Amino acid sequence: MIKVYLKRKITPRVANGHPWVFNNEVEKIEGEVLGGETVEVLTHDKKFIGKGYINPKSQILVRLLTRKKSDEINEHFFYREILKCWEYRQQIGYTENCRLVFGEADSLPQLIIDKFNDYFVLQTLTLGMDKWKPAIVEALNTIFSPKGIYERNDVPVRELEGLPQHKGFLSAPFDTNILINENGFQFRVDIENGQKTGYFLDQQDNRKAIQHIVKGAEVLGAFTYTGTFEVHAAKYGAKSVLGLDISANAVEQANKNAALNNVQDICRFETANAFDVLKQWGKDGRQYDVVMLDPPAFTKSRETIQKAITGYKEINLRGMKLVKPGGFLVTSSCTNLVNEDLFLQIIDMAAKDARRKLRQVVFQKQSADHPIVRGMDNTHYLKFLIVQVQ
């Protein structure tokens, strides 16, 4: 087996649990590396650390799969690890819809599998994981006997690994527009063309958190995507709900979700640029009992972090100005590059500029089927906040 020896000063970080080895952290490699092979990672003084997969084209040279020397990385390994992921989700109460595998948090780096009842959507985002795709599909078939498996590998990050973008069936073809149940309500999921894997499961618990504040309320939602927060608000007793999204296709899907849940008379969606509309409505003096914001990440790299800070501050400032005194702002951030402390600082800055006082109601993270592992920042990404705006 190929052996990768770490530089002395790098050894503690990897030895203490981090699964990534960057290409500038390696002292030497024994064996010929083409890409995608299983390798052993050792300290500078030849002590075993773990086994993982390697890609010389990637800045992250090795990603560890196991710390056990006795583990063989083969088809049975992936079956066993995916079964463990499923057992864990069952233990914490996620059985119908869940993120079955959450990459590094489940010791399967850069593998994402979302379970939508009897359908599965999978992403293999690295060369090393992509090579095991047949074994992963076989494991899903063995454990679940699913109605369908679809891959959404149409993501740019694969190109950093020298991999093409593509999507398609990993099972017999099926209708990729499916229905799921969430919190007692129904939603359409477009597995083939929806964002990411078609649906944002990480907010499923947070959507329940709005149930008390929206009763009898006039609600505005921005960056609605397919309207899941807004439909929840309508079903939880809102007086009226208006959702805005820049994507006409998302708005079409959102209106279908409203009709599916028989709230189309209360809940409607319009295609609009939320930044522009919220700014204008603030000038017009419009106000709502509840304003909900679920904006995009704004940044994918540390180089543009200031852009994200500016974006989050601006949209939250505009949202606060539209909240009636004593009403509520519901807001999120979905990038790990903006950590908890920075996110709350941004909200405080926006409140200061809006001259509004905030009272925190709820501060949560992603749902527990997206586990957080301490020391792995990429597993700790979603911030969800409800504040009363006074």
Protein backbone atom coordinates (compact mmCIF):
# COMPACT_ATOMS: atom_id res chain seq x y z
CA MET A 1 0.00 0.00 0.00
CA ILE A 2 1.12 3.58 -0.72
CA LYS A 3 2.45 5.28 2.40
CA VAL A 4 2.21 9.01 3.11
CA TYR A 5 4.50 10.48 5.79
CA LEU A 6 3.56 13.78 7.41
CA LYS A 7 5.92 16.57 8.29
CA ARG A 8 6.78 16.71 11.98
CA LYS A 9 4.95 19.99 12.75
CA ILE A 10 1.78 18.87 10.96
CA THR A 11 1.42 15.51 12.66
CA PRO A 12 -0.51 16.60 15.81
CA ARG A 13 -3.43 18.22 13.92
CA VAL A 14 -4.12 15.09 11.86
CA ALA A 15 -3.25 12.68 14.68
CA ASN A 16 -5.72 14.48 16.96
CA GLY A 17 -8.66 13.92 14.65
CA HIS A 18 -8.75 16.15 11.60
CA PRO A 19 -9.35 14.03 8.46
CA TRP A 20 -7.62 16.27 5.90
CA VAL A 21 -3.98 16.21 4.84
CA PHE A 22 -2.96 19.13 2.60
CA ASN A 23 -0.36 18.61 -0.10
CA ASN A 24 2.13 20.97 1.61
CA GLU A 25 1.97 18.96 4.84
CA VAL A 26 3.58 15.81 3.46
CA GLU A 27 7.24 14.92 4.01
CA LYS A 28 7.37 12.05 1.51
CA ILE A 29 5.29 9.44 -0.32
CA GLU A 30 6.31 5.83 -0.83
CA GLY A 31 4.68 4.25 -3.89
CA GLU A 32 3.29 5.43 -7.21
CA VAL A 33 0.26 7.70 -6.97
CA LEU A 34 -2.14 8.08 -9.88
CA GLY A 35 -5.18 9.29 -7.95
CA GLY A 36 -8.02 7.67 -6.01
CA GLU A 37 -5.89 4.98 -4.35
CA THR A 38 -6.19 3.97 -0.71
CA VAL A 39 -3.11 5.03 1.26
CA GLU A 40 -1.73 4.72 4.76
CA VAL A 41 -0.92 7.96 6.56
CA LEU A 42 1.94 7.88 9.07
CA THR A 43 3.74 10.32 11.32
CA HIS A 44 7.21 11.55 10.44
CA ASP A 45 8.54 8.76 12.69
CA LYS A 46 6.46 6.02 10.99
CA LYS A 47 3.60 5.68 13.50
CA PHE A 48 0.26 4.72 11.93
CA ILE A 49 -2.43 7.44 11.88
CA GLY A 50 -5.05 6.15 9.47
CA LYS A 51 -6.11 5.12 5.98
CA GLY A 52 -7.71 7.30 3.36
CA TYR A 53 -7.85 8.13 -0.31
CA ILE A 54 -5.39 10.30 -2.23
CA ASN A 55 -5.57 12.71 -5.15
CA PRO A 56 -2.38 14.54 -6.27
CA LYS A 57 -4.54 17.00 -8.28
CA SER A 58 -6.27 18.24 -5.15
CA GLN A 59 -5.01 20.78 -2.62
CA ILE A 60 -6.28 18.35 0.00
CA LEU A 61 -4.01 15.44 -0.86
CA VAL A 62 -5.47 12.80 1.48
CA ARG A 63 -8.81 12.47 3.22
CA LEU A 64 -8.93 9.89 5.98
CA LEU A 65 -11.60 7.18 6.12
CA THR A 66 -10.51 5.25 9.20
CA ARG A 67 -8.09 5.34 12.13
CA LYS A 68 -8.06 1.55 12.47
CA LYS A 69 -5.15 -0.28 10.89
CA SER A 70 -7.22 -3.47 10.71
CA ASP A 71 -9.88 -1.84 8.50
CA GLU A 72 -9.79 -2.90 4.86
CA ILE A 73 -11.17 -0.21 2.55
CA ASN A 74 -13.43 -2.32 0.36
CA GLU A 75 -17.10 -2.79 -0.55
CA HIS A 76 -17.94 -4.18 2.88
CA PHE A 77 -16.33 -1.14 4.54
CA PHE A 78 -18.76 1.21 2.78
CA TYR A 79 -21.72 -1.05 3.52
CA ARG A 80 -20.80 -1.11 7.21
CA GLU A 81 -20.22 2.64 7.45
CA ILE A 82 -23.48 3.57 5.67
CA LEU A 83 -25.37 1.13 7.88
CA LYS A 84 -23.86 2.86 10.93
CA CYS A 85 -25.05 6.20 9.55
CA TRP A 86 -28.57 4.83 9.18
CA GLU A 87 -28.58 3.35 12.68
CA TYR A 88 -27.51 6.72 14.09
CA ARG A 89 -30.28 8.61 12.27
CA GLN A 90 -32.83 6.13 13.56
CA GLN A 91 -31.52 6.58 17.11
CA ILE A 92 -32.02 10.35 16.96
CA GLY A 93 -35.44 10.14 15.30
CA TYR A 94 -34.80 10.82 11.61
CA THR A 95 -36.28 7.99 9.59
CA GLU A 96 -38.44 9.36 6.76
CA ASN A 97 -36.40 12.25 5.31
CA CYS A 98 -32.84 12.90 6.42
CA ARG A 99 -29.27 13.50 5.44
CA LEU A 100 -28.17 9.91 5.66
CA VAL A 101 -24.47 10.66 5.15
CA PHE A 102 -22.93 14.05 5.94
CA GLY A 103 -19.38 13.72 4.64
CA GLU A 104 -16.64 14.30 7.19
CA ALA A 105 -19.12 14.31 10.08
CA ASP A 106 -19.84 10.66 9.29
CA SER A 107 -16.20 9.73 8.53
CA LEU A 108 -17.02 9.44 4.82
CA PRO A 109 -15.32 12.57 3.48
CA GLN A 110 -17.12 14.38 0.65
CA LEU A 111 -19.92 11.83 0.39
CA ILE A 112 -23.41 13.30 0.68
CA ILE A 113 -26.50 11.10 0.66
CA ASP A 114 -29.98 12.53 1.24
CA LYS A 115 -32.88 10.18 1.92
CA PHE A 116 -36.30 11.30 0.72
CA ASN A 117 -38.44 8.48 2.02
CA ASP A 118 -37.75 5.68 -0.52
CA TYR A 119 -35.59 7.79 -2.84
CA PHE A 120 -31.92 8.65 -2.44
CA VAL A 121 -29.81 11.46 -3.86
CA LEU A 122 -26.06 11.10 -3.76
CA GLN A 123 -23.01 13.29 -4.32
CA THR A 124 -19.45 11.94 -4.59
CA LEU A 125 -17.45 15.14 -4.58
CA THR A 126 -13.89 13.79 -4.72
CA LEU A 127 -12.00 11.37 -6.95
CA GLY A 128 -11.36 8.95 -4.10
CA MET A 129 -15.03 8.79 -3.13
CA ASP A 130 -16.21 8.72 -6.74
CA LYS A 131 -14.23 5.53 -7.35
CA TRP A 132 -16.30 3.80 -4.65
CA LYS A 133 -19.64 4.91 -6.12
CA PRO A 134 -20.63 1.37 -7.25
CA ALA A 135 -19.98 0.08 -3.71
CA ILE A 136 -22.01 2.94 -2.22
CA VAL A 137 -24.95 2.25 -4.55
CA GLU A 138 -24.77 -1.46 -3.74
CA ALA A 139 -24.84 -0.65 -0.01
CA LEU A 140 -27.96 1.52 -0.44
CA ASN A 141 -29.68 -1.22 -2.42
CA THR A 142 -28.81 -3.82 0.20
CA ILE A 143 -29.85 -1.78 3.24
CA PHE A 144 -32.95 -0.02 1.86
CA SER A 145 -34.19 -1.64 -1.38
CA PRO A 146 -35.00 1.91 -2.55
CA LYS A 147 -37.44 2.96 -5.25
CA GLY A 148 -34.72 5.06 -6.86
CA ILE A 149 -31.20 6.49 -6.59
CA TYR A 150 -30.08 9.65 -8.38
CA GLU A 151 -26.71 11.38 -8.46
CA ARG A 152 -26.37 15.15 -8.34
CA ASN A 153 -22.72 15.51 -9.21
CA ASP A 154 -23.39 18.68 -11.21
CA VAL A 155 -21.32 20.76 -8.78
CA PRO A 156 -18.22 22.85 -9.62
CA VAL A 157 -16.22 21.57 -6.64
CA ARG A 158 -15.69 18.27 -8.49
CA GLU A 159 -13.59 20.09 -11.08
CA LEU A 160 -11.02 20.85 -8.36
CA GLU A 161 -10.55 17.07 -8.20
CA GLY A 162 -10.22 16.69 -11.97
CA LEU A 163 -13.74 15.26 -12.19
CA PRO A 164 -16.49 16.22 -14.65
CA GLN A 165 -19.86 17.54 -13.57
CA HIS A 166 -22.84 15.33 -14.36
CA LYS A 167 -26.11 14.00 -12.98
CA GLY A 168 -28.27 11.01 -13.71
CA PHE A 169 -29.88 7.79 -12.52
CA LEU A 170 -27.96 5.23 -10.49
CA SER A 171 -30.99 2.95 -10.53
CA ALA A 172 -33.78 2.23 -12.96
CA PRO A 173 -35.22 5.59 -14.13
CA PHE A 174 -38.08 7.05 -12.07
CA ASP A 175 -40.15 10.24 -11.86
CA THR A 176 -37.73 12.70 -10.23
CA ASN A 177 -40.55 14.97 -9.05
CA ILE A 178 -41.50 13.36 -5.76
CA LEU A 179 -43.61 14.24 -2.72
CA ILE A 180 -42.33 14.19 0.84
CA ASN A 181 -43.92 14.75 4.25
CA GLU A 182 -42.32 17.20 6.67
CA ASN A 183 -43.75 18.21 10.04
CA GLY A 184 -47.15 16.95 8.90
CA PHE A 185 -47.16 18.92 5.63
CA GLN A 186 -46.42 17.88 2.04
CA PHE A 187 -43.78 19.30 -0.29
CA ARG A 188 -42.71 18.68 -3.84
CA VAL A 189 -39.04 17.85 -4.36
CA ASP A 190 -37.43 18.18 -7.78
CA ILE A 191 -34.53 15.75 -7.40
CA GLU A 192 -33.18 16.34 -10.91
CA ASN A 193 -33.28 20.13 -11.20
CA GLY A 194 -33.71 21.51 -7.68
CA GLN A 195 -30.87 23.25 -5.84
CA LYS A 196 -28.16 20.98 -4.38
CA THR A 197 -29.93 17.63 -3.84
CA GLY A 198 -33.36 19.14 -4.51
CA TYR A 199 -34.41 20.17 -1.01
CA PHE A 200 -32.90 21.74 2.12
CA LEU A 201 -33.33 19.14 4.83
CA ASP A 202 -31.02 21.03 7.21
CA GLN A 203 -33.83 23.50 8.06
CA GLN A 204 -36.53 20.93 8.77
CA ASP A 205 -36.40 21.40 12.56
CA ASN A 206 -36.03 25.18 12.28
CA ARG A 207 -39.20 25.39 10.22
CA LYS A 208 -41.10 24.08 13.27
CA ALA A 209 -39.62 26.85 15.42
CA ILE A 210 -41.82 29.53 13.81
CA GLN A 211 -45.14 27.93 14.76
CA HIS A 212 -46.03 30.24 17.67
CA ILE A 213 -44.82 33.59 16.33
CA VAL A 214 -46.75 33.38 13.05
CA LYS A 215 -50.25 32.78 14.46
CA GLY A 216 -52.56 35.53 13.17
CA ALA A 217 -49.56 37.32 11.64
CA GLU A 218 -48.94 39.07 8.36
CA VAL A 219 -45.76 37.36 7.16
CA LEU A 220 -43.17 38.30 4.55
CA GLY A 221 -40.59 35.77 3.37
CA ALA A 222 -37.56 36.54 1.20
CA PHE A 223 -35.27 34.09 -0.61
CA THR A 224 -38.10 31.58 -0.30
CA TYR A 225 -36.84 28.96 -2.78
CA THR A 226 -39.78 26.50 -2.95
CA GLY A 227 -41.66 28.12 -0.07
CA THR A 228 -41.23 25.65 2.75
CA PHE A 229 -40.95 28.24 5.56
CA GLU A 230 -43.87 30.19 4.11
CA VAL A 231 -46.15 27.16 3.77
CA HIS A 232 -45.30 26.22 7.36
CA ALA A 233 -46.27 29.76 8.43
CA ALA A 234 -49.62 29.49 6.63
CA LYS A 235 -50.34 26.07 8.11
CA TYR A 236 -49.39 27.33 11.56
CA GLY A 237 -52.10 29.99 11.41
CA ALA A 238 -50.66 33.08 9.70
CA LYS A 239 -53.22 35.63 8.50
CA SER A 240 -51.37 36.18 5.22
CA VAL A 241 -48.03 35.12 3.75
CA LEU A 242 -46.11 36.67 0.85
CA GLY A 243 -42.92 34.99 -0.40
CA LEU A 244 -40.31 36.48 -2.73
CA ASP A 245 -37.64 34.74 -4.79
CA ILE A 246 -35.58 35.82 -7.80
CA SER A 247 -36.12 32.46 -9.52
CA ALA A 248 -39.35 32.19 -11.50
CA ASN A 249 -39.05 28.39 -11.40
CA ALA A 250 -38.72 28.40 -7.59
CA VAL A 251 -41.77 30.68 -7.32
CA GLU A 252 -43.75 28.31 -9.54
CA GLN A 253 -42.80 25.39 -7.30
CA ALA A 254 -43.60 27.41 -4.17
CA ASN A 255 -47.09 28.24 -5.41
CA LYS A 256 -47.60 24.54 -6.17
CA ASN A 257 -46.52 23.70 -2.62
CA ALA A 258 -49.04 26.22 -1.28
CA ALA A 259 -51.81 24.61 -3.34
CA LEU A 260 -50.67 21.13 -2.30
CA ASN A 261 -51.24 22.13 1.33
CA ASN A 262 -54.50 24.01 0.64
CA VAL A 263 -53.12 27.38 1.73
CA GLN A 264 -53.06 29.07 -1.67
CA ASP A 265 -55.62 31.65 -0.46
CA ILE A 266 -53.34 32.67 2.41
CA CYS A 267 -49.90 32.06 0.96
CA ARG A 268 -48.68 33.42 -2.39
CA PHE A 269 -45.31 33.90 -4.04
CA GLU A 270 -43.89 36.47 -6.45
CA THR A 271 -40.72 36.63 -8.53
CA ALA A 272 -38.61 39.53 -7.30
CA ASN A 273 -35.09 40.61 -6.34
CA ALA A 274 -35.39 40.65 -2.56
CA PHE A 275 -32.58 43.18 -2.09
CA ASP A 276 -34.30 45.74 -4.29
CA VAL A 277 -37.85 45.09 -3.13
CA LEU A 278 -37.10 45.14 0.60
CA LYS A 279 -35.20 48.40 0.23
CA GLN A 280 -38.08 50.03 -1.65
CA TRP A 281 -40.74 48.70 0.72
CA GLY A 282 -38.76 50.05 3.66
CA LYS A 283 -38.86 53.49 2.07
CA ASP A 284 -42.59 53.04 1.42
CA GLY A 285 -43.22 52.33 5.10
CA ARG A 286 -44.56 48.82 4.65
CA GLN A 287 -44.47 46.67 7.79
CA TYR A 288 -45.18 43.06 8.72
CA ASP A 289 -45.63 41.10 11.92
CA VAL A 290 -42.99 38.57 10.87
CA VAL A 291 -40.19 38.87 8.30
CA MET A 292 -38.33 35.68 7.34
CA LEU A 293 -34.97 35.76 5.55
CA ASP A 294 -33.14 32.67 4.24
CA PRO A 295 -30.46 34.19 1.98
CA PRO A 296 -27.78 32.32 0.02
CA ALA A 297 -24.26 31.90 1.36
CA PHE A 298 -22.95 35.08 -0.34
CA THR A 299 -19.41 33.63 -0.29
CA LYS A 300 -17.66 30.32 -0.93
CA SER A 301 -14.13 31.47 -0.02
CA ARG A 302 -12.33 33.38 2.68
CA GLU A 303 -11.13 35.89 0.08
CA THR A 304 -14.66 37.26 -0.27
CA ILE A 305 -15.71 37.06 3.39
CA GLN A 306 -16.14 40.85 3.59
CA LYS A 307 -18.66 40.63 0.76
CA ALA A 308 -20.66 38.11 2.78
CA ILE A 309 -20.57 40.28 5.89
CA THR A 310 -21.81 43.27 3.90
CA GLY A 311 -24.55 41.19 2.26
CA TYR A 312 -25.83 39.66 5.49
CA LYS A 313 -25.81 43.01 7.28
CA GLU A 314 -27.64 44.78 4.44
CA ILE A 315 -30.41 42.21 4.05
CA ASN A 316 -31.00 41.94 7.81
CA LEU A 317 -31.04 45.71 8.16
CA ARG A 318 -33.71 45.93 5.45
CA GLY A 319 -35.64 43.07 7.04
CA MET A 320 -35.66 44.71 10.48
CA LYS A 321 -37.00 47.95 9.06
CA LEU A 322 -40.00 46.04 7.72
CA VAL A 323 -40.91 44.50 11.09
CA LYS A 324 -43.61 46.15 13.17
CA PRO A 325 -42.50 47.06 16.72
CA GLY A 326 -42.90 43.89 18.77
CA GLY A 327 -42.85 41.72 15.66
CA PHE A 328 -40.29 39.06 14.76
CA LEU A 329 -37.35 38.60 12.41
CA VAL A 330 -36.45 35.05 11.35
CA THR A 331 -33.01 34.88 9.74
CA SER A 332 -30.36 32.36 8.71
CA SER A 333 -26.79 32.05 7.46
CA CYS A 334 -25.65 28.89 5.68
CA THR A 335 -21.89 29.38 5.29
CA ASN A 336 -19.34 28.00 7.73
CA LEU A 337 -17.07 30.93 6.82
CA VAL A 338 -19.39 33.15 8.88
CA ASN A 339 -19.20 31.57 12.33
CA GLU A 340 -21.72 31.98 15.16
CA ASP A 341 -20.02 34.93 16.82
CA LEU A 342 -19.56 36.81 13.55
CA PHE A 343 -23.16 36.13 12.50
CA LEU A 344 -24.51 37.55 15.77
CA GLN A 345 -22.19 40.55 15.46
CA ILE A 346 -23.59 41.20 11.98
CA ILE A 347 -27.16 41.07 13.33
CA ASP A 348 -26.19 43.48 16.14
CA MET A 349 -24.63 45.89 13.63
CA ALA A 350 -27.77 45.78 11.51
CA ALA A 351 -29.95 46.46 14.57
CA LYS A 352 -27.81 49.42 15.57
CA ASP A 353 -28.08 50.95 12.10
CA ALA A 354 -31.83 50.25 12.02
CA ARG A 355 -32.16 51.76 15.52
CA ARG A 356 -34.07 48.72 16.70
CA LYS A 357 -33.67 46.73 19.91
CA LEU A 358 -33.60 42.93 19.61
CA ARG A 359 -34.70 40.22 21.99
CA GLN A 360 -33.50 36.72 21.16
CA VAL A 361 -36.19 34.04 20.99
CA VAL A 362 -34.39 31.09 19.39
CA PHE A 363 -30.85 30.44 18.21
CA GLN A 364 -30.39 27.05 16.57
CA LYS A 365 -28.17 25.20 14.11
CA GLN A 366 -28.84 22.67 11.37
CA SER A 367 -31.03 19.67 12.14
CA ALA A 368 -29.30 16.85 14.00
CA ASP A 369 -29.17 14.56 10.97
CA HIS A 370 -26.40 16.95 9.82
CA PRO A 371 -24.07 16.24 12.76
CA ILE A 372 -21.58 18.81 14.03
CA VAL A 373 -18.09 17.54 14.86
CA ARG A 374 -15.96 19.83 16.98
CA GLY A 375 -12.82 20.93 15.21
CA MET A 376 -14.30 20.43 11.72
CA ASP A 377 -15.58 23.85 10.71
CA ASN A 378 -17.26 22.61 7.53
CA THR A 379 -19.70 20.52 9.64
CA HIS A 380 -20.77 23.59 11.64
CA TYR A 381 -22.33 25.89 9.10
CA LEU A 382 -26.00 26.78 9.61
CA LYS A 383 -27.10 29.52 11.99
CA PHE A 384 -30.83 30.09 12.55
CA LEU A 385 -32.08 33.01 14.63
CA ILE A 386 -35.46 34.34 15.71
CA VAL A 387 -35.50 37.74 17.42
CA GLN A 388 -38.25 40.06 18.57
CA VAL A 389 -37.69 43.48 17.02
CA GLN A 390 -38.65 46.30 19.39
